[in-house]
Amino acid sequence: MAPSFHNTLKVFSEDIVRDIRGDFQVIRRINALRLKLGQWNKTVFGYQDWALQHLQSSIQNLED
C-alpha cells in the first residue's frame, strides 16, 4: 500500500526539518519537501507518461 500524503509530511517534519539550521532554513525546507513529495508522487501515481503511451498504443491496436 502506498504511503499517504499525511504520513509523508509527518515523516518529513520529524526526520528532515529538525536537522536543518541556519539562515537558509526556509529554502532548505522547501527544497527537501519538494524532493520528498516527488518521491511520494511517483510511489502513489507511478509513471503517468508511460501509462498514457501504453494506453494509447493499446487503443490504436484495437482500432486497427
PDB file of N, CA and C in Angstrom:
ATOM      1  N   MET A   1       0.840  -1.185   0.000  1.00  0.00           N
ATOM      2  CA  MET A   1       0.000   0.000   0.000  1.00  0.00           C
ATOM      3  C   MET A   1       0.881   1.243   0.000  1.00  0.00           C
ATOM      4  N   ALA A   2       0.522   2.216  -0.785  1.00  0.00           N
ATOM      5  CA  ALA A   2       1.299   3.450  -0.901  1.00  0.00           C
ATOM      6  C   ALA A   2       1.124   4.305   0.353  1.00  0.00           C
ATOM      7  N   PRO A   3       2.184   5.017   0.721  1.00  0.00           N
ATOM      8  CA  PRO A   3       2.074   5.891   1.898  1.00  0.00           C
ATOM      9  C   PRO A   3       1.134   7.054   1.620  1.00  0.00           C
ATOM     10  N   SER A   4       0.432   7.480   2.655  1.00  0.00           N
ATOM     11  CA  SER A   4      -0.483   8.600   2.479  1.00  0.00           C
ATOM     12  C   SER A   4       0.292   9.918   2.459  1.00  0.00           C
ATOM     13  N   PHE A   5      -0.327  10.924   1.921  1.00  0.00           N
ATOM     14  CA  PHE A   5       0.284  12.248   1.874  1.00  0.00           C
ATOM     15  C   PHE A   5       0.556  12.746   3.294  1.00  0.00           C
ATOM     16  N   HIS A   6      -0.382  12.527   4.179  1.00  0.00           N
ATOM     17  CA  HIS A   6      -0.232  12.965   5.573  1.00  0.00           C
ATOM     18  C   HIS A   6       0.965  12.291   6.222  1.00  0.00           C
ATOM     19  N   ASN A   7       1.110  10.983   6.047  1.00  0.00           N
ATOM     20  CA  ASN A   7       2.246  10.270   6.630  1.00  0.00           C
ATOM     21  C   ASN A   7       3.570  10.734   6.042  1.00  0.00           C
ATOM     22  N   THR A   8       3.580  11.032   4.756  1.00  0.00           N
ATOM     23  CA  THR A   8       4.792  11.534   4.109  1.00  0.00           C
ATOM     24  C   THR A   8       5.222  12.854   4.734  1.00  0.00           C
ATOM     25  N   LEU A   9       4.277  13.765   4.942  1.00  0.00           N
ATOM     26  CA  LEU A   9       4.604  15.043   5.571  1.00  0.00           C
ATOM     27  C   LEU A   9       5.039  14.866   7.016  1.00  0.00           C
ATOM     28  N   LYS A  10       4.438  13.922   7.717  1.00  0.00           N
ATOM     29  CA  LYS A  10       4.793  13.676   9.115  1.00  0.00           C
ATOM     30  C   LYS A  10       6.233  13.185   9.217  1.00  0.00           C
ATOM     31  N   VAL A  11       6.602  12.233   8.378  1.00  0.00           N
ATOM     32  CA  VAL A  11       7.974  11.726   8.373  1.00  0.00           C
ATOM     33  C   VAL A  11       8.946  12.837   8.009  1.00  0.00           C
ATOM     34  N   PHE A  12       8.576  13.643   7.022  1.00  0.00           N
ATOM     35  CA  PHE A  12       9.419  14.761   6.619  1.00  0.00           C
ATOM     36  C   PHE A  12       9.668  15.702   7.787  1.00  0.00           C
ATOM     37  N   SER A  13       8.617  16.070   8.471  1.00  0.00           N
ATOM     38  CA  SER A  13       8.766  17.043   9.554  1.00  0.00           C
ATOM     39  C   SER A  13       9.553  16.466  10.725  1.00  0.00           C
ATOM     40  N   GLU A  14       9.465  15.178  10.945  1.00  0.00           N
ATOM     41  CA  GLU A  14      10.179  14.553  12.061  1.00  0.00           C
ATOM     42  C   GLU A  14      11.647  14.302  11.732  1.00  0.00           C
ATOM     43  N   ASP A  15      11.933  13.879  10.507  1.00  0.00           N
ATOM     44  CA  ASP A  15      13.286  13.451  10.162  1.00  0.00           C
ATOM     45  C   ASP A  15      14.152  14.556   9.556  1.00  0.00           C
ATOM     46  N   ILE A  16      13.629  15.261   8.591  1.00  0.00           N
ATOM     47  CA  ILE A  16      14.454  16.183   7.822  1.00  0.00           C
ATOM     48  C   ILE A  16      14.530  17.560   8.461  1.00  0.00           C
ATOM     49  N   VAL A  17      13.417  18.104   8.850  1.00  0.00           N
ATOM     50  CA  VAL A  17      13.356  19.507   9.255  1.00  0.00           C
ATOM     51  C   VAL A  17      14.116  19.773  10.539  1.00  0.00           C
ATOM     52  N   ARG A  18      14.131  18.876  11.474  1.00  0.00           N
ATOM     53  CA  ARG A  18      14.769  19.173  12.755  1.00  0.00           C
ATOM     54  C   ARG A  18      16.284  19.291  12.638  1.00  0.00           C
ATOM     55  N   ASP A  19      16.872  18.728  11.574  1.00  0.00           N
ATOM     56  CA  ASP A  19      18.321  18.772  11.410  1.00  0.00           C
ATOM     57  C   ASP A  19      18.794  19.999  10.632  1.00  0.00           C
ATOM     58  N   ILE A  20      17.868  20.808  10.152  1.00  0.00           N
ATOM     59  CA  ILE A  20      18.233  21.955   9.325  1.00  0.00           C
ATOM     60  C   ILE A  20      18.338  23.200  10.207  1.00  0.00           C
ATOM     61  N   ARG A  21      19.478  23.890  10.084  1.00  0.00           N
ATOM     62  CA  ARG A  21      19.691  25.124  10.831  1.00  0.00           C
ATOM     63  C   ARG A  21      20.271  26.178   9.894  1.00  0.00           C
ATOM     64  N   GLY A  22      20.248  27.426  10.302  1.00  0.00           N
ATOM     65  CA  GLY A  22      20.901  28.480   9.535  1.00  0.00           C
ATOM     66  C   GLY A  22      19.941  29.451   8.904  1.00  0.00           C
ATOM     67  N   ASP A  23      20.525  30.404   8.200  1.00  0.00           N
ATOM     68  CA  ASP A  23      19.752  31.476   7.577  1.00  0.00           C
ATOM     69  C   ASP A  23      18.859  30.982   6.440  1.00  0.00           C
ATOM     70  N   PHE A  24      19.262  29.945   5.769  1.00  0.00           N
ATOM     71  CA  PHE A  24      18.513  29.457   4.612  1.00  0.00           C
ATOM     72  C   PHE A  24      17.600  28.291   4.970  1.00  0.00           C
ATOM     73  N   GLN A  25      17.144  28.276   6.204  1.00  0.00           N
ATOM     74  CA  GLN A  25      16.321  27.174   6.688  1.00  0.00           C
ATOM     75  C   GLN A  25      15.040  27.012   5.860  1.00  0.00           C
ATOM     76  N   VAL A  26      14.371  28.103   5.518  1.00  0.00           N
ATOM     77  CA  VAL A  26      13.130  28.020   4.750  1.00  0.00           C
ATOM     78  C   VAL A  26      13.395  27.462   3.362  1.00  0.00           C
ATOM     79  N   ILE A  27      14.436  27.934   2.707  1.00  0.00           N
ATOM     80  CA  ILE A  27      14.772  27.443   1.368  1.00  0.00           C
ATOM     81  C   ILE A  27      15.125  25.960   1.422  1.00  0.00           C
ATOM     82  N   ARG A  28      15.891  25.574   2.400  1.00  0.00           N
ATOM     83  CA  ARG A  28      16.264  24.159   2.542  1.00  0.00           C
ATOM     84  C   ARG A  28      15.034  23.299   2.815  1.00  0.00           C
ATOM     85  N   ARG A  29      14.137  23.796   3.632  1.00  0.00           N
ATOM     86  CA  ARG A  29      12.913  23.037   3.920  1.00  0.00           C
ATOM     87  C   ARG A  29      12.070  22.856   2.665  1.00  0.00           C
ATOM     88  N   ILE A  30      11.928  23.918   1.892  1.00  0.00           N
ATOM     89  CA  ILE A  30      11.124  23.833   0.675  1.00  0.00           C
ATOM     90  C   ILE A  30      11.755  22.861  -0.316  1.00  0.00           C
ATOM     91  N   ASN A  31      13.054  22.926  -0.512  1.00  0.00           N
ATOM     92  CA  ASN A  31      13.728  22.002  -1.434  1.00  0.00           C
ATOM     93  C   ASN A  31      13.616  20.563  -0.961  1.00  0.00           C
ATOM     94  N   ALA A  32      13.810  20.343   0.333  1.00  0.00           N
ATOM     95  CA  ALA A  32      13.698  18.983   0.867  1.00  0.00           C
ATOM     96  C   ALA A  32      12.273  18.472   0.729  1.00  0.00           C
ATOM     97  N   LEU A  33      11.300  19.330   0.981  1.00  0.00           N
ATOM     98  CA  LEU A  33       9.904  18.928   0.841  1.00  0.00           C
ATOM     99  C   LEU A  33       9.566  18.622  -0.609  1.00  0.00           C
ATOM    100  N   ARG A  34      10.073  19.431  -1.538  1.00  0.00           N
ATOM    101  CA  ARG A  34       9.832  19.193  -2.963  1.00  0.00           C
ATOM    102  C   ARG A  34      10.331  17.820  -3.384  1.00  0.00           C
ATOM    103  N   LEU A  35      11.522  17.465  -2.949  1.00  0.00           N
ATOM    104  CA  LEU A  35      12.078  16.152  -3.288  1.00  0.00           C
ATOM    105  C   LEU A  35      11.262  15.025  -2.678  1.00  0.00           C
ATOM    106  N   LYS A  36      10.874  15.199  -1.420  1.00  0.00           N
ATOM    107  CA  LYS A  36      10.095  14.169  -0.726  1.00  0.00           C
ATOM    108  C   LYS A  36       8.730  13.986  -1.389  1.00  0.00           C
ATOM    109  N   LEU A  37       8.088  15.079  -1.763  1.00  0.00           N
ATOM    110  CA  LEU A  37       6.786  14.979  -2.425  1.00  0.00           C
ATOM    111  C   LEU A  37       6.913  14.380  -3.824  1.00  0.00           C
ATOM    112  N   GLY A  38       8.023  14.637  -4.494  1.00  0.00           N
ATOM    113  CA  GLY A  38       8.261  13.999  -5.791  1.00  0.00           C
ATOM    114  C   GLY A  38       8.356  12.490  -5.666  1.00  0.00           C
ATOM    115  N   GLN A  39       9.039  12.034  -4.630  1.00  0.00           N
ATOM    116  CA  GLN A  39       9.130  10.592  -4.372  1.00  0.00           C
ATOM    117  C   GLN A  39       7.754  10.019  -4.061  1.00  0.00           C
ATOM    118  N   TRP A  40       7.003  10.730  -3.232  1.00  0.00           N
ATOM    119  CA  TRP A  40       5.660  10.272  -2.868  1.00  0.00           C
ATOM    120  C   TRP A  40       4.773  10.194  -4.112  1.00  0.00           C
ATOM    121  N   ASN A  41       4.850  11.197  -4.971  1.00  0.00           N
ATOM    122  CA  ASN A  41       4.041  11.240  -6.183  1.00  0.00           C
ATOM    123  C   ASN A  41       4.338  10.033  -7.080  1.00  0.00           C
ATOM    124  N   LYS A  42       5.622   9.717  -7.253  1.00  0.00           N
ATOM    125  CA  LYS A  42       5.979   8.562  -8.084  1.00  0.00           C
ATOM    126  C   LYS A  42       5.484   7.261  -7.454  1.00  0.00           C
ATOM    127  N   THR A  43       5.531   7.173  -6.134  1.00  0.00           N
ATOM    128  CA  THR A  43       5.068   5.967  -5.444  1.00  0.00           C
ATOM    129  C   THR A  43       3.563   5.792  -5.586  1.00  0.00           C
ATOM    130  N   VAL A  44       2.823   6.869  -5.400  1.00  0.00           N
ATOM    131  CA  VAL A  44       1.359   6.788  -5.413  1.00  0.00           C
ATOM    132  C   VAL A  44       0.800   6.729  -6.829  1.00  0.00           C
ATOM    133  N   PHE A  45       1.274   7.593  -7.708  1.00  0.00           N
ATOM    134  CA  PHE A  45       0.688   7.709  -9.032  1.00  0.00           C
ATOM    135  C   PHE A  45       1.491   7.013 -10.124  1.00  0.00           C
ATOM    136  N   GLY A  46       2.719   6.661  -9.836  1.00  0.00           N
ATOM    137  CA  GLY A  46       3.537   5.978 -10.819  1.00  0.00           C
ATOM    138  C   GLY A  46       3.980   6.885 -11.943  1.00  0.00           C
ATOM    139  N   TYR A  47       4.339   6.257 -13.023  1.00  0.00           N
ATOM    140  CA  TYR A  47       4.838   6.978 -14.185  1.00  0.00           C
ATOM    141  C   TYR A  47       3.696   7.154 -15.170  1.00  0.00           C
ATOM    142  N   GLN A  48       3.037   8.297 -15.111  1.00  0.00           N
ATOM    143  CA  GLN A  48       1.839   8.553 -15.900  1.00  0.00           C
ATOM    144  C   GLN A  48       2.132   8.677 -17.391  1.00  0.00           C
ATOM    145  N   ASP A  49       3.281   9.216 -17.766  1.00  0.00           N
ATOM    146  CA  ASP A  49       3.613   9.337 -19.188  1.00  0.00           C
ATOM    147  C   ASP A  49       3.677   7.957 -19.838  1.00  0.00           C
ATOM    148  N   TRP A  50       4.340   7.025 -19.166  1.00  0.00           N
ATOM    149  CA  TRP A  50       4.442   5.665 -19.705  1.00  0.00           C
ATOM    150  C   TRP A  50       3.068   5.012 -19.776  1.00  0.00           C
ATOM    151  N   ALA A  51       2.261   5.181 -18.732  1.00  0.00           N
ATOM    152  CA  ALA A  51       0.929   4.572 -18.703  1.00  0.00           C
ATOM    153  C   ALA A  51       0.053   5.142 -19.814  1.00  0.00           C
ATOM    154  N   LEU A  52       0.139   6.440 -20.056  1.00  0.00           N
ATOM    155  CA  LEU A  52      -0.646   7.065 -21.112  1.00  0.00           C
ATOM    156  C   LEU A  52      -0.223   6.549 -22.483  1.00  0.00           C
ATOM    157  N   GLN A  53       1.068   6.440 -22.728  1.00  0.00           N
ATOM    158  CA  GLN A  53       1.551   5.917 -24.006  1.00  0.00           C
ATOM    159  C   GLN A  53       1.116   4.476 -24.205  1.00  0.00           C
ATOM    160  N   HIS A  54       1.177   3.690 -23.156  1.00  0.00           N
ATOM    161  CA  HIS A  54       0.765   2.285 -23.234  1.00  0.00           C
ATOM    162  C   HIS A  54      -0.731   2.182 -23.551  1.00  0.00           C
ATOM    163  N   LEU A  55      -1.533   3.005 -22.907  1.00  0.00           N
ATOM    164  CA  LEU A  55      -2.968   3.004 -23.150  1.00  0.00           C
ATOM    165  C   LEU A  55      -3.280   3.445 -24.573  1.00  0.00           C
ATOM    166  N   GLN A  56      -2.614   4.493 -25.060  1.00  0.00           N
ATOM    167  CA  GLN A  56      -2.829   4.959 -26.430  1.00  0.00           C
ATOM    168  C   GLN A  56      -2.429   3.892 -27.438  1.00  0.00           C
ATOM    169  N   SER A  57      -1.348   3.187 -27.163  1.00  0.00           N
ATOM    170  CA  SER A  57      -0.906   2.113 -28.048  1.00  0.00           C
ATOM    171  C   SER A  57      -1.930   0.979 -28.069  1.00  0.00           C
ATOM    172  N   SER A  58      -2.480   0.653 -26.923  1.00  0.00           N
ATOM    173  CA  SER A  58      -3.493  -0.406 -26.847  1.00  0.00           C
ATOM    174  C   SER A  58      -4.741  -0.020 -27.619  1.00  0.00           C
ATOM    175  N   ILE A  59      -5.151   1.222 -27.495  1.00  0.00           N
ATOM    176  CA  ILE A  59      -6.336   1.695 -28.229  1.00  0.00           C
ATOM    177  C   ILE A  59      -6.075   1.660 -29.730  1.00  0.00           C
ATOM    178  N   GLN A  60      -4.891   2.089 -30.128  1.00  0.00           N
ATOM    179  CA  GLN A  60      -4.542   2.065 -31.555  1.00  0.00           C
ATOM    180  C   GLN A  60      -4.549   0.646 -32.087  1.00  0.00           C
ATOM    181  N   ASN A  61      -4.060  -0.316 -31.305  1.00  0.00           N
ATOM    182  CA  ASN A  61      -4.070  -1.718 -31.747  1.00  0.00           C
ATOM    183  C   ASN A  61      -5.476  -2.250 -31.885  1.00  0.00           C
ATOM    184  N   LEU A  62      -6.379  -1.829 -31.005  1.00  0.00           N
ATOM    185  CA  LEU A  62      -7.767  -2.270 -31.088  1.00  0.00           C
ATOM    186  C   LEU A  62      -8.473  -1.671 -32.309  1.00  0.00           C
ATOM    187  N   GLU A  63      -8.120  -0.448 -32.641  1.00  0.00           N
ATOM    188  CA  GLU A  63      -8.740   0.209 -33.780  1.00  0.00           C
ATOM    189  C   GLU A  63      -8.256  -0.353 -35.113  1.00  0.00           C
ATOM    190  N   ASP A  64      -7.068  -0.912 -35.147  1.00  0.00           N
ATOM    191  CA  ASP A  64      -6.515  -1.461 -36.403  1.00  0.00           C
ATOM    192  C   ASP A  64      -7.084  -2.800 -36.754  1.00  0.00           C
TER     193      ASP A  64
END
